[in-house]
Amino acid sequence: MLFLLLVGYLIYKNSLIARAKGKSLFLWGTITFLAVFLGEVIGMFIVVSTAYPQYLGVSDINKSAELANAIGNNFLQSFFLIFCGFGGYLLIRFILERSKDLPNNKPADKDEY
């Protein structure tokens, strides 16, 4: 639950940057969500391929639940997944900050947030 609140906050922060640049809030919020999700998927692949290679290619639901339980009980692996998702957020933030402002668009003041 706490992770969902964190993702929501990260989406909100990138949406503020997008609004200041004159871009679509919904579009960049969705892109941020997808980047966080994709970062976690990549992190999950790294964790499974390094720590649990016996589970690669397993389609049995009991084995999948066993793997999810094993990763959920290991704090370092769970933290790594969150860290990879945060990397997706940072990538989108970097892209937004490097993008140019639209013509005739002044940067928003802090009071307008």
N, C-alpha and C. Protein backbone atom coordinates (compact mmCIF):
# COMPACT_ATOMS: atom_id res chain seq x y z
N MET A 1 0.82 -1.19 0.00
CA MET A 1 0.00 0.00 0.00
C MET A 1 0.87 1.25 0.00
N LEU A 2 1.91 1.23 0.82
CA LEU A 2 2.80 2.38 0.88
C LEU A 2 3.48 2.61 -0.47
N PHE A 3 3.78 1.52 -1.16
CA PHE A 3 4.42 1.64 -2.47
C PHE A 3 3.50 2.34 -3.46
N LEU A 4 2.21 2.06 -3.42
CA LEU A 4 1.27 2.72 -4.32
C LEU A 4 1.18 4.22 -4.04
N LEU A 5 1.26 4.59 -2.78
CA LEU A 5 1.28 6.01 -2.44
C LEU A 5 2.56 6.67 -2.97
N LEU A 6 3.67 5.97 -2.88
CA LEU A 6 4.93 6.49 -3.40
C LEU A 6 4.86 6.67 -4.92
N VAL A 7 4.31 5.70 -5.62
CA VAL A 7 4.16 5.80 -7.07
C VAL A 7 3.24 6.96 -7.43
N GLY A 8 2.16 7.12 -6.70
CA GLY A 8 1.25 8.24 -6.93
C GLY A 8 1.95 9.58 -6.74
N TYR A 9 2.79 9.69 -5.73
CA TYR A 9 3.53 10.92 -5.50
C TYR A 9 4.52 11.19 -6.63
N LEU A 10 5.19 10.13 -7.11
CA LEU A 10 6.14 10.30 -8.20
C LEU A 10 5.43 10.73 -9.48
N ILE A 11 4.25 10.17 -9.73
CA ILE A 11 3.45 10.58 -10.89
C ILE A 11 3.06 12.05 -10.75
N TYR A 12 2.67 12.45 -9.57
CA TYR A 12 2.29 13.84 -9.31
C TYR A 12 3.47 14.78 -9.57
N LYS A 13 4.66 14.42 -9.11
CA LYS A 13 5.84 15.27 -9.30
C LYS A 13 6.16 15.42 -10.79
N ASN A 14 6.11 14.34 -11.54
CA ASN A 14 6.39 14.44 -12.97
C ASN A 14 5.28 15.21 -13.70
N SER A 15 4.06 15.10 -13.23
CA SER A 15 2.96 15.86 -13.84
C SER A 15 3.15 17.36 -13.63
N LEU A 16 3.69 17.75 -12.48
CA LEU A 16 3.96 19.16 -12.24
C LEU A 16 5.02 19.68 -13.20
N ILE A 17 6.04 18.89 -13.44
CA ILE A 17 7.08 19.28 -14.40
C ILE A 17 6.48 19.37 -15.80
N ALA A 18 5.64 18.42 -16.15
CA ALA A 18 5.01 18.44 -17.47
C ALA A 18 4.14 19.67 -17.64
N ARG A 19 3.39 20.04 -16.61
CA ARG A 19 2.54 21.23 -16.69
C ARG A 19 3.39 22.49 -16.84
N ALA A 20 4.51 22.54 -16.13
CA ALA A 20 5.40 23.69 -16.24
C ALA A 20 5.99 23.81 -17.64
N LYS A 21 6.16 22.67 -18.31
CA LYS A 21 6.69 22.67 -19.68
C LYS A 21 5.58 22.83 -20.72
N GLY A 22 4.33 22.85 -20.30
CA GLY A 22 3.21 23.01 -21.22
C GLY A 22 2.81 21.72 -21.90
N LYS A 23 3.08 20.60 -21.26
CA LYS A 23 2.76 19.29 -21.84
C LYS A 23 1.56 18.69 -21.12
N SER A 24 1.04 17.59 -21.65
CA SER A 24 -0.15 16.95 -21.10
C SER A 24 0.17 16.26 -19.77
N LEU A 25 -0.61 16.61 -18.74
CA LEU A 25 -0.42 16.00 -17.43
C LEU A 25 -0.74 14.51 -17.46
N PHE A 26 -1.87 14.16 -18.07
CA PHE A 26 -2.31 12.76 -18.09
C PHE A 26 -1.33 11.89 -18.86
N LEU A 27 -0.86 12.38 -20.00
CA LEU A 27 0.06 11.60 -20.82
C LEU A 27 1.36 11.31 -20.07
N TRP A 28 1.94 12.34 -19.47
CA TRP A 28 3.21 12.14 -18.79
C TRP A 28 3.04 11.40 -17.47
N GLY A 29 1.89 11.52 -16.84
CA GLY A 29 1.61 10.71 -15.66
C GLY A 29 1.52 9.23 -16.02
N THR A 30 0.86 8.95 -17.14
CA THR A 30 0.75 7.57 -17.61
C THR A 30 2.11 7.02 -18.01
N ILE A 31 2.90 7.83 -18.69
CA ILE A 31 4.25 7.39 -19.08
C ILE A 31 5.09 7.12 -17.84
N THR A 32 4.95 7.94 -16.82
CA THR A 32 5.69 7.72 -15.57
C THR A 32 5.27 6.40 -14.93
N PHE A 33 3.96 6.15 -14.87
CA PHE A 33 3.49 4.89 -14.30
C PHE A 33 4.04 3.69 -15.06
N LEU A 34 4.00 3.76 -16.38
CA LEU A 34 4.51 2.66 -17.20
C LEU A 34 6.02 2.48 -17.02
N ALA A 35 6.75 3.58 -16.88
CA ALA A 35 8.20 3.48 -16.68
C ALA A 35 8.53 2.85 -15.33
N VAL A 36 7.77 3.22 -14.29
CA VAL A 36 7.99 2.60 -12.97
C VAL A 36 7.67 1.12 -13.03
N PHE A 37 6.57 0.78 -13.68
CA PHE A 37 6.18 -0.63 -13.80
C PHE A 37 7.22 -1.41 -14.60
N LEU A 38 7.66 -0.85 -15.73
CA LEU A 38 8.67 -1.52 -16.55
C LEU A 38 9.99 -1.67 -15.79
N GLY A 39 10.36 -0.66 -15.01
CA GLY A 39 11.56 -0.76 -14.18
C GLY A 39 11.45 -1.89 -13.18
N GLU A 40 10.29 -2.07 -12.60
CA GLU A 40 10.10 -3.17 -11.65
C GLU A 40 10.12 -4.52 -12.36
N VAL A 41 9.57 -4.59 -13.56
CA VAL A 41 9.61 -5.85 -14.32
C VAL A 41 11.06 -6.22 -14.64
N ILE A 42 11.84 -5.23 -15.06
CA ILE A 42 13.26 -5.48 -15.34
C ILE A 42 13.97 -5.91 -14.07
N GLY A 43 13.68 -5.24 -12.96
CA GLY A 43 14.27 -5.63 -11.68
C GLY A 43 13.87 -7.04 -11.27
N MET A 44 12.61 -7.40 -11.50
CA MET A 44 12.15 -8.76 -11.18
C MET A 44 12.90 -9.79 -12.03
N PHE A 45 13.09 -9.50 -13.30
CA PHE A 45 13.83 -10.42 -14.16
C PHE A 45 15.27 -10.59 -13.66
N ILE A 46 15.90 -9.49 -13.24
CA ILE A 46 17.27 -9.58 -12.72
C ILE A 46 17.31 -10.41 -11.45
N VAL A 47 16.37 -10.18 -10.54
CA VAL A 47 16.35 -10.94 -9.27
C VAL A 47 16.12 -12.42 -9.54
N VAL A 48 15.14 -12.73 -10.39
CA VAL A 48 14.82 -14.14 -10.65
C VAL A 48 15.97 -14.83 -11.38
N SER A 49 16.56 -14.14 -12.34
CA SER A 49 17.63 -14.79 -13.12
C SER A 49 18.90 -14.97 -12.32
N THR A 50 19.15 -14.14 -11.31
CA THR A 50 20.37 -14.30 -10.52
C THR A 50 20.16 -15.14 -9.26
N ALA A 51 19.07 -14.90 -8.55
CA ALA A 51 18.87 -15.59 -7.27
C ALA A 51 18.04 -16.86 -7.37
N TYR A 52 17.14 -16.93 -8.34
CA TYR A 52 16.24 -18.08 -8.47
C TYR A 52 16.18 -18.58 -9.91
N PRO A 53 17.29 -19.05 -10.47
CA PRO A 53 17.25 -19.47 -11.88
C PRO A 53 16.37 -20.69 -12.12
N GLN A 54 16.07 -21.45 -11.09
CA GLN A 54 15.21 -22.63 -11.27
C GLN A 54 13.77 -22.26 -11.59
N TYR A 55 13.38 -20.98 -11.36
CA TYR A 55 12.02 -20.55 -11.62
C TYR A 55 11.84 -19.93 -13.00
N LEU A 56 12.88 -19.78 -13.78
CA LEU A 56 12.74 -19.19 -15.11
C LEU A 56 11.92 -20.11 -16.00
N GLY A 57 10.92 -19.56 -16.65
CA GLY A 57 10.09 -20.32 -17.56
C GLY A 57 9.05 -21.21 -16.89
N VAL A 58 8.81 -21.02 -15.60
CA VAL A 58 7.84 -21.84 -14.88
C VAL A 58 6.45 -21.23 -15.04
N SER A 59 5.50 -22.02 -15.49
CA SER A 59 4.13 -21.53 -15.63
C SER A 59 3.20 -22.13 -14.58
N ASP A 60 3.71 -22.97 -13.70
CA ASP A 60 2.90 -23.57 -12.64
C ASP A 60 2.57 -22.50 -11.60
N ILE A 61 1.30 -22.36 -11.27
CA ILE A 61 0.85 -21.30 -10.37
C ILE A 61 1.39 -21.51 -8.97
N ASN A 62 1.58 -22.73 -8.53
CA ASN A 62 2.11 -22.98 -7.19
C ASN A 62 3.56 -22.53 -7.10
N LYS A 63 4.33 -22.76 -8.15
CA LYS A 63 5.73 -22.32 -8.16
C LYS A 63 5.81 -20.80 -8.21
N SER A 64 4.89 -20.16 -8.93
CA SER A 64 4.88 -18.70 -9.01
C SER A 64 4.57 -18.09 -7.65
N ALA A 65 3.63 -18.67 -6.93
CA ALA A 65 3.30 -18.19 -5.59
C ALA A 65 4.47 -18.40 -4.64
N GLU A 66 5.17 -19.50 -4.80
CA GLU A 66 6.34 -19.79 -3.98
C GLU A 66 7.45 -18.76 -4.24
N LEU A 67 7.63 -18.40 -5.50
CA LEU A 67 8.63 -17.39 -5.86
C LEU A 67 8.25 -16.03 -5.30
N ALA A 68 6.99 -15.64 -5.43
CA ALA A 68 6.54 -14.35 -4.91
C ALA A 68 6.72 -14.28 -3.40
N ASN A 69 6.46 -15.38 -2.72
CA ASN A 69 6.65 -15.43 -1.27
C ASN A 69 8.13 -15.31 -0.92
N ALA A 70 8.99 -15.97 -1.68
CA ALA A 70 10.43 -15.92 -1.41
C ALA A 70 10.97 -14.51 -1.59
N ILE A 71 10.55 -13.82 -2.64
CA ILE A 71 11.02 -12.45 -2.89
C ILE A 71 10.43 -11.48 -1.87
N GLY A 72 9.17 -11.69 -1.51
CA GLY A 72 8.53 -10.82 -0.53
C GLY A 72 9.15 -10.93 0.85
N ASN A 73 9.71 -12.06 1.19
CA ASN A 73 10.33 -12.25 2.49
C ASN A 73 11.77 -11.77 2.54
N ASN A 74 12.36 -11.46 1.40
CA ASN A 74 13.74 -11.00 1.36
C ASN A 74 13.73 -9.48 1.17
N PHE A 75 14.13 -8.75 2.21
CA PHE A 75 14.07 -7.29 2.18
C PHE A 75 14.95 -6.71 1.09
N LEU A 76 16.15 -7.24 0.91
CA LEU A 76 17.08 -6.69 -0.06
C LEU A 76 16.55 -6.83 -1.49
N GLN A 77 15.94 -7.96 -1.79
CA GLN A 77 15.38 -8.14 -3.14
C GLN A 77 14.18 -7.24 -3.36
N SER A 78 13.34 -7.09 -2.36
CA SER A 78 12.19 -6.19 -2.47
C SER A 78 12.65 -4.75 -2.64
N PHE A 79 13.67 -4.35 -1.90
CA PHE A 79 14.21 -3.00 -2.02
C PHE A 79 14.81 -2.78 -3.40
N PHE A 80 15.45 -3.79 -3.96
CA PHE A 80 16.02 -3.70 -5.30
C PHE A 80 14.92 -3.46 -6.34
N LEU A 81 13.79 -4.14 -6.18
CA LEU A 81 12.67 -3.93 -7.11
C LEU A 81 12.15 -2.50 -7.04
N ILE A 82 12.01 -1.96 -5.84
CA ILE A 82 11.56 -0.59 -5.67
C ILE A 82 12.59 0.38 -6.26
N PHE A 83 13.85 0.09 -6.06
CA PHE A 83 14.94 0.91 -6.59
C PHE A 83 14.90 0.93 -8.12
N CYS A 84 14.63 -0.20 -8.75
CA CYS A 84 14.53 -0.26 -10.21
C CYS A 84 13.33 0.54 -10.70
N GLY A 85 12.21 0.47 -9.99
CA GLY A 85 11.05 1.27 -10.35
C GLY A 85 11.33 2.76 -10.22
N PHE A 86 12.07 3.15 -9.18
CA PHE A 86 12.45 4.54 -9.01
C PHE A 86 13.36 5.01 -10.14
N GLY A 87 14.16 4.10 -10.68
CA GLY A 87 14.99 4.42 -11.83
C GLY A 87 14.15 4.77 -13.05
N GLY A 88 13.01 4.10 -13.23
CA GLY A 88 12.09 4.44 -14.31
C GLY A 88 11.53 5.84 -14.14
N TYR A 89 11.20 6.19 -12.91
CA TYR A 89 10.71 7.55 -12.62
C TYR A 89 11.78 8.58 -12.96
N LEU A 90 13.03 8.32 -12.54
CA LEU A 90 14.11 9.27 -12.79
C LEU A 90 14.37 9.43 -14.28
N LEU A 91 14.23 8.36 -15.05
CA LEU A 91 14.41 8.45 -16.49
C LEU A 91 13.39 9.40 -17.12
N ILE A 92 12.14 9.26 -16.74
CA ILE A 92 11.09 10.13 -17.29
C ILE A 92 11.28 11.56 -16.80
N ARG A 93 11.68 11.74 -15.57
CA ARG A 93 11.95 13.08 -15.06
C ARG A 93 13.08 13.74 -15.85
N PHE A 94 14.12 12.99 -16.15
CA PHE A 94 15.23 13.51 -16.94
C PHE A 94 14.75 13.93 -18.33
N ILE A 95 13.93 13.10 -18.96
CA ILE A 95 13.41 13.43 -20.29
C ILE A 95 12.56 14.70 -20.23
N LEU A 96 11.72 14.82 -19.21
CA LEU A 96 10.87 16.00 -19.07
C LEU A 96 11.69 17.27 -18.83
N GLU A 97 12.68 17.17 -17.97
CA GLU A 97 13.48 18.36 -17.65
C GLU A 97 14.31 18.81 -18.84
N ARG A 98 14.71 17.88 -19.67
CA ARG A 98 15.52 18.23 -20.84
C ARG A 98 14.68 18.73 -22.01
N SER A 99 13.38 18.49 -21.98
CA SER A 99 12.54 18.92 -23.10
C SER A 99 12.38 20.44 -23.07
N LYS A 100 12.15 20.99 -24.24
CA LYS A 100 12.02 22.44 -24.35
C LYS A 100 10.60 22.86 -24.02
N ASP A 101 10.49 24.08 -23.53
CA ASP A 101 9.18 24.65 -23.28
C ASP A 101 8.48 24.91 -24.60
N LEU A 102 7.17 24.83 -24.60
CA LEU A 102 6.41 25.20 -25.78
C LEU A 102 6.50 26.70 -25.98
N PRO A 103 6.41 27.18 -27.21
CA PRO A 103 6.45 28.62 -27.43
C PRO A 103 5.30 29.32 -26.71
N ASN A 104 5.55 30.53 -26.28
CA ASN A 104 4.56 31.35 -25.57
C ASN A 104 4.10 30.70 -24.27
N ASN A 105 4.98 29.95 -23.64
CA ASN A 105 4.64 29.30 -22.38
C ASN A 105 5.64 29.72 -21.34
N LYS A 106 5.19 30.46 -20.34
CA LYS A 106 6.10 30.86 -19.28
C LYS A 106 6.12 29.76 -18.22
N PRO A 107 7.26 29.56 -17.57
CA PRO A 107 7.31 28.55 -16.51
C PRO A 107 6.34 28.91 -15.38
N ALA A 108 5.72 27.91 -14.83
CA ALA A 108 4.74 28.13 -13.76
C ALA A 108 5.47 28.52 -12.47
N ASP A 109 4.85 29.40 -11.71
CA ASP A 109 5.41 29.78 -10.42
C ASP A 109 5.09 28.70 -9.40
N LYS A 110 5.83 28.71 -8.33
CA LYS A 110 5.60 27.71 -7.28
C LYS A 110 4.20 27.90 -6.66
N ASP A 111 3.70 29.14 -6.66
CA ASP A 111 2.39 29.39 -6.07
C ASP A 111 1.25 28.76 -6.86
N GLU A 112 1.48 28.47 -8.16
CA GLU A 112 0.44 27.91 -8.99
C GLU A 112 0.28 26.41 -8.79
N TYR A 113 1.19 25.77 -8.09
CA TYR A 113 1.10 24.34 -7.86
C TYR A 113 0.08 24.11 -6.78
